[in-house]
Amino acid sequence: MTDQARDPDVQAFLEAARHGDRQALDKLLTRFVQPVYRFGMQMCRDEEDAKDVLQDTLLAAARTVGNFRGDASVSTWLYTIARSFCIKRRRKGKHAPTEMVSLDPGTASARSLEGTSRRPDEAASDTELGRALNAAIDSLEPGYKEVLLLRDVEGLTAPEVAEVLGLGVEAVKSRLHRARLVVREKLAAHAGTGDQPPAGPGCVDVVSLYSKYLEGDVDSATCEDMEKHLATCPRCSSACDSLRATLRMCKAAGPEVPRHVQDAVRAAVKGMLTLPDVKPGP
């Protein structure tokens, strides 16, 4: 579902903004201040860079809204712009992580993982888990990090993520499944791993399977078999629960936009909207 369908005001603001209504444009861009800043902060890990990404994104959107045809969702359009500015900053290497986790198939990080004896979100304080989650996301290679942030933090659909990144949907899903495994593994290690019984005859790679289920890529027969197995296997049920907890944490990830950042960005956008070169679309 696009953001226009989720929020009818977005479509109304977009149509008015495309025809030169600057107040509607301001309202439209305001709706996306928090998600764009959050994405910039997750990608750059620096408040000043995130502020610049937010400001540059909104200014670029203000300049080009008249040419936006609405073929994609507004969020897809804005994240595509934001990503380009994030890439420019990432190339500077200022805040590149010191460790990157290899996600090539067959490596330890990409393999199926043991279940934890307790859910990650119950194992430590929110502050400690927040730091652990950020560290886990930061450890991902950029292409996998982008997919995880856009899909599991920002809530775009796999096709929308594919459009932002210029990838095929299957490539997005492949990266997403591997990224989820790594983040879940790191949070499980942070929470502590209890002794798990050995895999039984019916045990499968339940973490990968559940990730595929979330993307609608598990047929009904397989889904039914998985549900029956989870009902009788504490080992696999625990592993599945830990992935669910990890994804809940992802959805809640990301800082609020500081007031001084909001004020600075809004001042820049309002200044832009007073200029005569912001033209309506055809």
C-alpha atoms as a PDB file:
ATOM      1  CA  MET A   1       0.000   0.000   0.000  1.00  0.00           C
ATOM      2  CA  THR A   2       1.438   3.406  -0.912  1.00  0.00           C
ATOM      3  CA  ASP A   3       1.656   6.283   1.543  1.00  0.00           C
ATOM      4  CA  GLN A   4      -0.997   8.081  -0.524  1.00  0.00           C
ATOM      5  CA  ALA A   5      -3.399   5.207   0.111  1.00  0.00           C
ATOM      6  CA  ARG A   6      -2.505   5.058   3.812  1.00  0.00           C
ATOM      7  CA  ASP A   7      -2.899   8.830   4.225  1.00  0.00           C
ATOM      8  CA  PRO A   8      -5.280  10.532   1.763  1.00  0.00           C
ATOM      9  CA  ASP A   9      -3.943  13.943   2.845  1.00  0.00           C
ATOM     10  CA  VAL A  10      -0.615  13.066   1.238  1.00  0.00           C
ATOM     11  CA  GLN A  11      -2.263  12.726  -2.168  1.00  0.00           C
ATOM     12  CA  ALA A  12      -4.192  15.965  -1.700  1.00  0.00           C
ATOM     13  CA  PHE A  13      -1.072  17.857  -0.639  1.00  0.00           C
ATOM     14  CA  LEU A  14       0.877  16.358  -3.531  1.00  0.00           C
ATOM     15  CA  GLU A  15      -1.655  17.378  -6.166  1.00  0.00           C
ATOM     16  CA  ALA A  16      -1.875  20.911  -4.799  1.00  0.00           C
ATOM     17  CA  ALA A  17       1.905  21.204  -4.463  1.00  0.00           C
ATOM     18  CA  ARG A  18       2.434  20.075  -8.058  1.00  0.00           C
ATOM     19  CA  HIS A  19       0.265  22.979  -9.171  1.00  0.00           C
ATOM     20  CA  GLY A  20       2.175  25.586  -7.219  1.00  0.00           C
ATOM     21  CA  ASP A  21       0.486  25.595  -3.791  1.00  0.00           C
ATOM     22  CA  ARG A  22       3.440  26.309  -1.515  1.00  0.00           C
ATOM     23  CA  GLN A  23       1.466  25.844   1.676  1.00  0.00           C
ATOM     24  CA  ALA A  24       0.471  22.357   0.528  1.00  0.00           C
ATOM     25  CA  LEU A  25       4.097  21.640  -0.352  1.00  0.00           C
ATOM     26  CA  ASP A  26       5.200  22.682   3.118  1.00  0.00           C
ATOM     27  CA  LYS A  27       2.581  20.392   4.683  1.00  0.00           C
ATOM     28  CA  LEU A  28       3.581  17.537   2.387  1.00  0.00           C
ATOM     29  CA  LEU A  29       7.265  17.783   3.236  1.00  0.00           C
ATOM     30  CA  THR A  30       6.530  18.174   6.944  1.00  0.00           C
ATOM     31  CA  ARG A  31       4.898  14.721   6.916  1.00  0.00           C
ATOM     32  CA  PHE A  32       8.250  13.179   5.979  1.00  0.00           C
ATOM     33  CA  VAL A  33      10.656  15.087   8.223  1.00  0.00           C
ATOM     34  CA  GLN A  34      10.832  12.313  10.831  1.00  0.00           C
ATOM     35  CA  PRO A  35      11.272   9.289   8.510  1.00  0.00           C
ATOM     36  CA  VAL A  36      13.818  11.017   6.252  1.00  0.00           C
ATOM     37  CA  TYR A  37      15.840  12.212   9.260  1.00  0.00           C
ATOM     38  CA  ARG A  38      15.673   8.749  10.814  1.00  0.00           C
ATOM     39  CA  PHE A  39      16.906   7.171   7.578  1.00  0.00           C
ATOM     40  CA  GLY A  40      19.733   9.703   7.314  1.00  0.00           C
ATOM     41  CA  MET A  41      20.731   9.151  10.928  1.00  0.00           C
ATOM     42  CA  GLN A  42      20.743   5.370  10.533  1.00  0.00           C
ATOM     43  CA  MET A  43      22.815   5.588   7.357  1.00  0.00           C
ATOM     44  CA  CYS A  44      25.251   8.307   8.462  1.00  0.00           C
ATOM     45  CA  ARG A  45      25.352   7.892  12.268  1.00  0.00           C
ATOM     46  CA  ASP A  46      26.053  11.592  12.643  1.00  0.00           C
ATOM     47  CA  GLU A  47      23.527  14.249  13.600  1.00  0.00           C
ATOM     48  CA  GLU A  48      25.033  16.945  11.400  1.00  0.00           C
ATOM     49  CA  ASP A  49      25.136  14.659   8.369  1.00  0.00           C
ATOM     50  CA  ALA A  50      21.584  13.484   9.044  1.00  0.00           C
ATOM     51  CA  LYS A  51      20.423  17.087   9.278  1.00  0.00           C
ATOM     52  CA  ASP A  52      22.132  17.887   5.980  1.00  0.00           C
ATOM     53  CA  VAL A  53      20.575  14.816   4.330  1.00  0.00           C
ATOM     54  CA  LEU A  54      17.144  15.874   5.573  1.00  0.00           C
ATOM     55  CA  GLN A  55      17.553  19.479   4.481  1.00  0.00           C
ATOM     56  CA  ASP A  56      19.046  18.610   1.087  1.00  0.00           C
ATOM     57  CA  THR A  57      16.297  16.048   0.470  1.00  0.00           C
ATOM     58  CA  LEU A  58      13.457  18.411   1.277  1.00  0.00           C
ATOM     59  CA  LEU A  59      14.990  21.251  -0.736  1.00  0.00           C
ATOM     60  CA  ALA A  60      15.505  18.970  -3.738  1.00  0.00           C
ATOM     61  CA  ALA A  61      11.913  17.758  -3.416  1.00  0.00           C
ATOM     62  CA  ALA A  62      10.655  21.341  -3.238  1.00  0.00           C
ATOM     63  CA  ARG A  63      12.534  22.203  -6.422  1.00  0.00           C
ATOM     64  CA  THR A  64      11.331  19.200  -8.393  1.00  0.00           C
ATOM     65  CA  VAL A  65       7.815  18.514  -7.070  1.00  0.00           C
ATOM     66  CA  GLY A  66       6.298  20.022 -10.191  1.00  0.00           C
ATOM     67  CA  ASN A  67       7.939  17.285 -12.262  1.00  0.00           C
ATOM     68  CA  PHE A  68       6.940  14.444  -9.936  1.00  0.00           C
ATOM     69  CA  ARG A  69       4.308  12.468 -11.827  1.00  0.00           C
ATOM     70  CA  GLY A  70       3.157  10.308  -8.926  1.00  0.00           C
ATOM     71  CA  ASP A  71       4.102   7.035 -10.615  1.00  0.00           C
ATOM     72  CA  ALA A  72       5.824   6.046  -7.357  1.00  0.00           C
ATOM     73  CA  SER A  73       4.768   6.780  -3.803  1.00  0.00           C
ATOM     74  CA  VAL A  74       5.944  10.017  -2.210  1.00  0.00           C
ATOM     75  CA  SER A  75       7.997   8.049   0.316  1.00  0.00           C
ATOM     76  CA  THR A  76       9.734   6.103  -2.475  1.00  0.00           C
ATOM     77  CA  TRP A  77      10.524   9.367  -4.247  1.00  0.00           C
ATOM     78  CA  LEU A  78      11.895  11.008  -1.089  1.00  0.00           C
ATOM     79  CA  TYR A  79      13.923   8.000   0.036  1.00  0.00           C
ATOM     80  CA  THR A  80      15.472   7.801  -3.426  1.00  0.00           C
ATOM     81  CA  ILE A  81      16.577  11.421  -3.076  1.00  0.00           C
ATOM     82  CA  ALA A  82      17.740  10.919   0.510  1.00  0.00           C
ATOM     83  CA  ARG A  83      19.720   7.835  -0.432  1.00  0.00           C
ATOM     84  CA  SER A  84      21.670   9.767  -3.063  1.00  0.00           C
ATOM     85  CA  PHE A  85      22.742  12.299  -0.445  1.00  0.00           C
ATOM     86  CA  CYS A  86      23.597   9.524   2.032  1.00  0.00           C
ATOM     87  CA  ILE A  87      25.820   7.865  -0.565  1.00  0.00           C
ATOM     88  CA  LYS A  88      27.730  11.117  -1.112  1.00  0.00           C
ATOM     89  CA  ARG A  89      28.454  11.353   2.597  1.00  0.00           C
ATOM     90  CA  ARG A  90      29.253   7.674   2.937  1.00  0.00           C
ATOM     91  CA  ARG A  91      31.897   7.978   0.224  1.00  0.00           C
ATOM     92  CA  LYS A  92      33.720  10.492   2.392  1.00  0.00           C
ATOM     93  CA  GLY A  93      34.296   7.672   4.857  1.00  0.00           C
ATOM     94  CA  LYS A  94      33.807   9.879   7.919  1.00  0.00           C
ATOM     95  CA  HIS A  95      31.532   7.497   9.781  1.00  0.00           C
ATOM     96  CA  ALA A  96      32.190   4.173   8.091  1.00  0.00           C
ATOM     97  CA  PRO A  97      31.847   1.276  10.545  1.00  0.00           C
ATOM     98  CA  THR A  98      35.084  -0.361  11.681  1.00  0.00           C
ATOM     99  CA  GLU A  99      33.682  -3.846  11.085  1.00  0.00           C
ATOM    100  CA  MET A 100      31.641  -5.169   8.211  1.00  0.00           C
ATOM    101  CA  VAL A 101      29.880  -8.516   8.390  1.00  0.00           C
ATOM    102  CA  SER A 102      30.186 -10.662   5.294  1.00  0.00           C
ATOM    103  CA  LEU A 103      26.791 -11.741   4.039  1.00  0.00           C
ATOM    104  CA  ASP A 104      27.977 -14.084   1.327  1.00  0.00           C
ATOM    105  CA  PRO A 105      26.050 -17.362   1.380  1.00  0.00           C
ATOM    106  CA  GLY A 106      27.829 -20.025   3.368  1.00  0.00           C
ATOM    107  CA  THR A 107      29.587 -17.726   5.828  1.00  0.00           C
ATOM    108  CA  ALA A 108      28.907 -18.056   9.526  1.00  0.00           C
ATOM    109  CA  SER A 109      26.919 -14.827   9.576  1.00  0.00           C
ATOM    110  CA  ALA A 110      24.580 -16.014   6.855  1.00  0.00           C
ATOM    111  CA  ARG A 111      23.832 -19.455   8.283  1.00  0.00           C
ATOM    112  CA  SER A 112      20.807 -20.530  10.212  1.00  0.00           C
ATOM    113  CA  LEU A 113      21.071 -19.580  13.874  1.00  0.00           C
ATOM    114  CA  GLU A 114      20.272 -21.240  17.141  1.00  0.00           C
ATOM    115  CA  GLY A 115      17.273 -19.907  19.075  1.00  0.00           C
ATOM    116  CA  THR A 116      17.756 -17.878  22.219  1.00  0.00           C
ATOM    117  CA  SER A 117      16.345 -18.875  25.564  1.00  0.00           C
ATOM    118  CA  ARG A 118      14.758 -15.453  25.969  1.00  0.00           C
ATOM    119  CA  ARG A 119      13.571 -12.760  23.604  1.00  0.00           C
ATOM    120  CA  PRO A 120      16.110 -10.012  22.804  1.00  0.00           C
ATOM    121  CA  ASP A 121      13.702  -7.302  23.945  1.00  0.00           C
ATOM    122  CA  GLU A 122      13.448  -8.951  27.371  1.00  0.00           C
ATOM    123  CA  ALA A 123      17.150  -9.542  27.967  1.00  0.00           C
ATOM    124  CA  ALA A 124      18.455  -6.080  28.865  1.00  0.00           C
ATOM    125  CA  SER A 125      17.469  -2.466  29.231  1.00  0.00           C
ATOM    126  CA  ASP A 126      16.032  -0.551  26.286  1.00  0.00           C
ATOM    127  CA  THR A 127      19.142   1.646  26.164  1.00  0.00           C
ATOM    128  CA  GLU A 128      21.508  -1.313  25.966  1.00  0.00           C
ATOM    129  CA  LEU A 129      19.372  -3.034  23.361  1.00  0.00           C
ATOM    130  CA  GLY A 130      19.115   0.163  21.349  1.00  0.00           C
ATOM    131  CA  ARG A 131      22.889   0.387  21.213  1.00  0.00           C
ATOM    132  CA  ALA A 132      23.138  -3.291  20.335  1.00  0.00           C
ATOM    133  CA  LEU A 133      20.559  -2.889  17.560  1.00  0.00           C
ATOM    134  CA  ASN A 134      22.360   0.130  16.108  1.00  0.00           C
ATOM    135  CA  ALA A 135      25.671  -1.739  16.221  1.00  0.00           C
ATOM    136  CA  ALA A 136      24.092  -4.755  14.523  1.00  0.00           C
ATOM    137  CA  ILE A 137      22.596  -2.624  11.750  1.00  0.00           C
ATOM    138  CA  ASP A 138      25.848  -0.691  11.328  1.00  0.00           C
ATOM    139  CA  SER A 139      27.773  -3.944  10.860  1.00  0.00           C
ATOM    140  CA  LEU A 140      25.861  -4.713   7.669  1.00  0.00           C
ATOM    141  CA  GLU A 141      27.364  -4.012   4.297  1.00  0.00           C
ATOM    142  CA  PRO A 142      25.746  -0.842   2.843  1.00  0.00           C
ATOM    143  CA  GLY A 143      23.574  -2.658   0.295  1.00  0.00           C
ATOM    144  CA  TYR A 144      22.102  -4.917   2.975  1.00  0.00           C
ATOM    145  CA  LYS A 145      21.790  -2.110   5.498  1.00  0.00           C
ATOM    146  CA  GLU A 146      19.732  -0.018   3.076  1.00  0.00           C
ATOM    147  CA  VAL A 147      17.349  -2.894   2.411  1.00  0.00           C
ATOM    148  CA  LEU A 148      16.819  -3.603   6.107  1.00  0.00           C
ATOM    149  CA  LEU A 149      16.276   0.062   6.976  1.00  0.00           C
ATOM    150  CA  LEU A 150      13.833   0.717   4.157  1.00  0.00           C
ATOM    151  CA  ARG A 151      11.852  -2.497   4.646  1.00  0.00           C
ATOM    152  CA  ASP A 152      11.903  -3.198   8.393  1.00  0.00           C
ATOM    153  CA  VAL A 153      12.480   0.267   9.874  1.00  0.00           C
ATOM    154  CA  GLU A 154      10.710   2.539   7.396  1.00  0.00           C
ATOM    155  CA  GLY A 155       8.061   0.028   6.366  1.00  0.00           C
ATOM    156  CA  LEU A 156       8.323   0.229   2.586  1.00  0.00           C
ATOM    157  CA  THR A 157       7.164  -2.813   0.653  1.00  0.00           C
ATOM    158  CA  ALA A 158       9.742  -4.979  -1.096  1.00  0.00           C
ATOM    159  CA  PRO A 159       8.726  -3.571  -4.528  1.00  0.00           C
ATOM    160  CA  GLU A 160       9.077  -0.012  -3.160  1.00  0.00           C
ATOM    161  CA  VAL A 161      12.516  -0.823  -1.766  1.00  0.00           C
ATOM    162  CA  ALA A 162      13.463  -2.290  -5.136  1.00  0.00           C
ATOM    163  CA  GLU A 163      12.429   0.947  -6.826  1.00  0.00           C
ATOM    164  CA  VAL A 164      14.446   3.103  -4.430  1.00  0.00           C
ATOM    165  CA  LEU A 165      17.568   0.978  -4.829  1.00  0.00           C
ATOM    166  CA  GLY A 166      17.210   0.158  -8.526  1.00  0.00           C
ATOM    167  CA  LEU A 167      17.163  -3.579  -7.844  1.00  0.00           C
ATOM    168  CA  GLY A 168      14.887  -6.454  -8.692  1.00  0.00           C
ATOM    169  CA  VAL A 169      12.389  -7.498  -6.048  1.00  0.00           C
ATOM    170  CA  GLU A 170      14.005 -10.924  -5.666  1.00  0.00           C
ATOM    171  CA  ALA A 171      17.403  -9.310  -5.071  1.00  0.00           C
ATOM    172  CA  VAL A 172      15.839  -7.107  -2.388  1.00  0.00           C
ATOM    173  CA  LYS A 173      14.279 -10.105  -0.664  1.00  0.00           C
ATOM    174  CA  SER A 174      17.511 -12.080  -0.802  1.00  0.00           C
ATOM    175  CA  ARG A 175      19.439  -9.249   0.856  1.00  0.00           C
ATOM    176  CA  LEU A 176      16.640  -8.697   3.352  1.00  0.00           C
ATOM    177  CA  HIS A 177      16.597 -12.308   4.541  1.00  0.00           C
ATOM    178  CA  ARG A 178      20.349 -12.347   5.057  1.00  0.00           C
ATOM    179  CA  ALA A 179      20.363  -8.966   6.813  1.00  0.00           C
ATOM    180  CA  ARG A 180      17.625 -10.114   9.190  1.00  0.00           C
ATOM    181  CA  LEU A 181      19.640 -13.218  10.064  1.00  0.00           C
ATOM    182  CA  VAL A 182      22.731 -11.200  10.917  1.00  0.00           C
ATOM    183  CA  VAL A 183      20.904  -8.613  13.024  1.00  0.00           C
ATOM    184  CA  ARG A 184      19.011 -11.324  14.846  1.00  0.00           C
ATOM    185  CA  GLU A 185      22.278 -13.219  15.463  1.00  0.00           C
ATOM    186  CA  LYS A 186      23.996 -10.198  16.942  1.00  0.00           C
ATOM    187  CA  LEU A 187      21.077  -9.357  19.209  1.00  0.00           C
ATOM    188  CA  ALA A 188      20.856 -12.976  20.319  1.00  0.00           C
ATOM    189  CA  ALA A 189      24.547 -12.865  21.226  1.00  0.00           C
ATOM    190  CA  HIS A 190      23.955  -9.631  23.148  1.00  0.00           C
ATOM    191  CA  ALA A 191      21.035 -11.154  25.041  1.00  0.00           C
ATOM    192  CA  GLY A 192      22.884 -14.369  25.853  1.00  0.00           C
ATOM    193  CA  THR A 193      22.154 -17.773  24.395  1.00  0.00           C
ATOM    194  CA  GLY A 194      20.679 -20.526  26.484  1.00  0.00           C
ATOM    195  CA  ASP A 195      21.448 -24.176  25.977  1.00  0.00           C
ATOM    196  CA  GLN A 196      19.330 -25.447  23.144  1.00  0.00           C
ATOM    197  CA  PRO A 197      18.339 -29.035  22.486  1.00  0.00           C
ATOM    198  CA  PRO A 198      19.718 -30.552  19.285  1.00  0.00           C
ATOM    199  CA  ALA A 199      17.728 -30.210  16.112  1.00  0.00           C
ATOM    200  CA  GLY A 200      15.053 -32.845  15.732  1.00  0.00           C
ATOM    201  CA  PRO A 201      13.975 -34.660  12.576  1.00  0.00           C
ATOM    202  CA  GLY A 202      11.334 -32.051  11.810  1.00  0.00           C
ATOM    203  CA  CYS A 203      13.531 -29.005  12.464  1.00  0.00           C
ATOM    204  CA  VAL A 204      14.224 -26.707   9.537  1.00  0.00           C
ATOM    205  CA  ASP A 205      15.899 -23.346   8.989  1.00  0.00           C
ATOM    206  CA  VAL A 206      12.924 -21.725  10.701  1.00  0.00           C
ATOM    207  CA  VAL A 207      14.439 -18.237  10.899  1.00  0.00           C
ATOM    208  CA  SER A 208      14.965 -18.019   7.147  1.00  0.00           C
ATOM    209  CA  LEU A 209      11.606 -19.642   6.529  1.00  0.00           C
ATOM    210  CA  TYR A 210       9.799 -17.170   8.776  1.00  0.00           C
ATOM    211  CA  SER A 211      11.526 -14.248   7.062  1.00  0.00           C
ATOM    212  CA  LYS A 212      10.303 -15.563   3.703  1.00  0.00           C
ATOM    213  CA  TYR A 213       6.824 -16.059   5.172  1.00  0.00           C
ATOM    214  CA  LEU A 214       6.717 -12.364   6.089  1.00  0.00           C
ATOM    215  CA  GLU A 215       7.370 -11.510   2.442  1.00  0.00           C
ATOM    216  CA  GLY A 216       4.578 -13.787   1.214  1.00  0.00           C
ATOM    217  CA  ASP A 217       6.989 -16.307  -0.280  1.00  0.00           C
ATOM    218  CA  VAL A 218       5.848 -19.395   1.644  1.00  0.00           C
ATOM    219  CA  ASP A 219       3.003 -21.458   0.216  1.00  0.00           C
ATOM    220  CA  SER A 220       0.050 -22.442   2.368  1.00  0.00           C
ATOM    221  CA  ALA A 221       1.102 -26.081   2.757  1.00  0.00           C
ATOM    222  CA  THR A 222       4.588 -25.127   3.961  1.00  0.00           C
ATOM    223  CA  CYS A 223       3.111 -22.492   6.249  1.00  0.00           C
ATOM    224  CA  GLU A 224       0.776 -25.041   7.810  1.00  0.00           C
ATOM    225  CA  ASP A 225       3.631 -27.482   8.338  1.00  0.00           C
ATOM    226  CA  MET A 226       5.736 -24.764   9.928  1.00  0.00           C
ATOM    227  CA  GLU A 227       2.956 -23.757  12.324  1.00  0.00           C
ATOM    228  CA  LYS A 228       2.460 -27.384  13.407  1.00  0.00           C
ATOM    229  CA  HIS A 229       6.171 -27.800  14.001  1.00  0.00           C
ATOM    230  CA  LEU A 230       6.476 -24.578  15.993  1.00  0.00           C
ATOM    231  CA  ALA A 231       3.643 -25.692  18.236  1.00  0.00           C
ATOM    232  CA  THR A 232       5.623 -28.760  19.306  1.00  0.00           C
ATOM    233  CA  CYS A 233       9.278 -27.656  19.078  1.00  0.00           C
ATOM    234  CA  PRO A 234      10.529 -25.219  21.764  1.00  0.00           C
ATOM    235  CA  ARG A 235      13.868 -24.881  19.957  1.00  0.00           C
ATOM    236  CA  CYS A 236      12.407 -23.620  16.689  1.00  0.00           C
ATOM    237  CA  SER A 237       9.658 -21.645  18.420  1.00  0.00           C
ATOM    238  CA  SER A 238      12.301 -19.785  20.435  1.00  0.00           C
ATOM    239  CA  ALA A 239      14.286 -19.005  17.288  1.00  0.00           C
ATOM    240  CA  CYS A 240      11.179 -17.708  15.563  1.00  0.00           C
ATOM    241  CA  ASP A 241      10.257 -15.587  18.590  1.00  0.00           C
ATOM    242  CA  SER A 242      13.698 -14.010  18.627  1.00  0.00           C
ATOM    243  CA  LEU A 243      13.326 -12.926  14.994  1.00  0.00           C
ATOM    244  CA  ARG A 244       9.882 -11.472  15.743  1.00  0.00           C
ATOM    245  CA  ALA A 245      11.367  -9.526  18.657  1.00  0.00           C
ATOM    246  CA  THR A 246      14.219  -8.274  16.483  1.00  0.00           C
ATOM    247  CA  LEU A 247      11.797  -6.986  13.847  1.00  0.00           C
ATOM    248  CA  ARG A 248       9.677  -5.266  16.504  1.00  0.00           C
ATOM    249  CA  MET A 249      12.796  -3.475  17.667  1.00  0.00           C
ATOM    250  CA  CYS A 250      13.630  -2.471  14.096  1.00  0.00           C
ATOM    251  CA  LYS A 251      10.217  -0.873  13.673  1.00  0.00           C
ATOM    252  CA  ALA A 252      10.814   1.215  16.804  1.00  0.00           C
ATOM    253  CA  ALA A 253      14.378   2.145  15.841  1.00  0.00           C
ATOM    254  CA  GLY A 254      15.595   5.630  15.096  1.00  0.00           C
ATOM    255  CA  PRO A 255      15.825   8.915  16.971  1.00  0.00           C
ATOM    256  CA  GLU A 256      13.324  11.729  17.037  1.00  0.00           C
ATOM    257  CA  VAL A 257      14.282  14.847  15.119  1.00  0.00           C
ATOM    258  CA  PRO A 258      15.872  17.291  17.611  1.00  0.00           C
ATOM    259  CA  ARG A 259      14.023  20.582  17.919  1.00  0.00           C
ATOM    260  CA  HIS A 260      16.994  22.631  16.716  1.00  0.00           C
ATOM    261  CA  VAL A 261      17.269  20.426  13.624  1.00  0.00           C
ATOM    262  CA  GLN A 262      13.555  20.817  12.901  1.00  0.00           C
ATOM    263  CA  ASP A 263      13.821  24.591  13.246  1.00  0.00           C
ATOM    264  CA  ALA A 264      16.876  24.854  11.002  1.00  0.00           C
ATOM    265  CA  VAL A 265      15.420  22.629   8.302  1.00  0.00           C
ATOM    266  CA  ARG A 266      12.016  24.303   8.346  1.00  0.00           C
ATOM    267  CA  ALA A 267      13.689  27.716   8.043  1.00  0.00           C
ATOM    268  CA  ALA A 268      15.681  26.509   5.030  1.00  0.00           C
ATOM    269  CA  VAL A 269      12.615  25.011   3.353  1.00  0.00           C
ATOM    270  CA  LYS A 270      10.482  28.076   4.021  1.00  0.00           C
ATOM    271  CA  GLY A 271      13.251  30.227   2.573  1.00  0.00           C
ATOM    272  CA  MET A 272      13.272  28.029  -0.501  1.00  0.00           C
ATOM    273  CA  LEU A 273       9.513  28.313  -0.875  1.00  0.00           C
ATOM    274  CA  THR A 274       9.734  32.095  -1.041  1.00  0.00           C
ATOM    275  CA  LEU A 275      11.944  31.937  -4.135  1.00  0.00           C
ATOM    276  CA  PRO A 276      10.324  32.491  -7.547  1.00  0.00           C
ATOM    277  CA  ASP A 277      11.924  29.440  -9.227  1.00  0.00           C
ATOM    278  CA  VAL A 278       9.694  26.824  -7.574  1.00  0.00           C
ATOM    279  CA  LYS A 279       7.431  26.208 -10.540  1.00  0.00           C
ATOM    280  CA  PRO A 280       4.228  24.162 -10.778  1.00  0.00           C
ATOM    281  CA  GLY A 281       4.010  21.099 -12.938  1.00  0.00           C
ATOM    282  CA  PRO A 282       2.273  20.988 -16.288  1.00  0.00           C
END
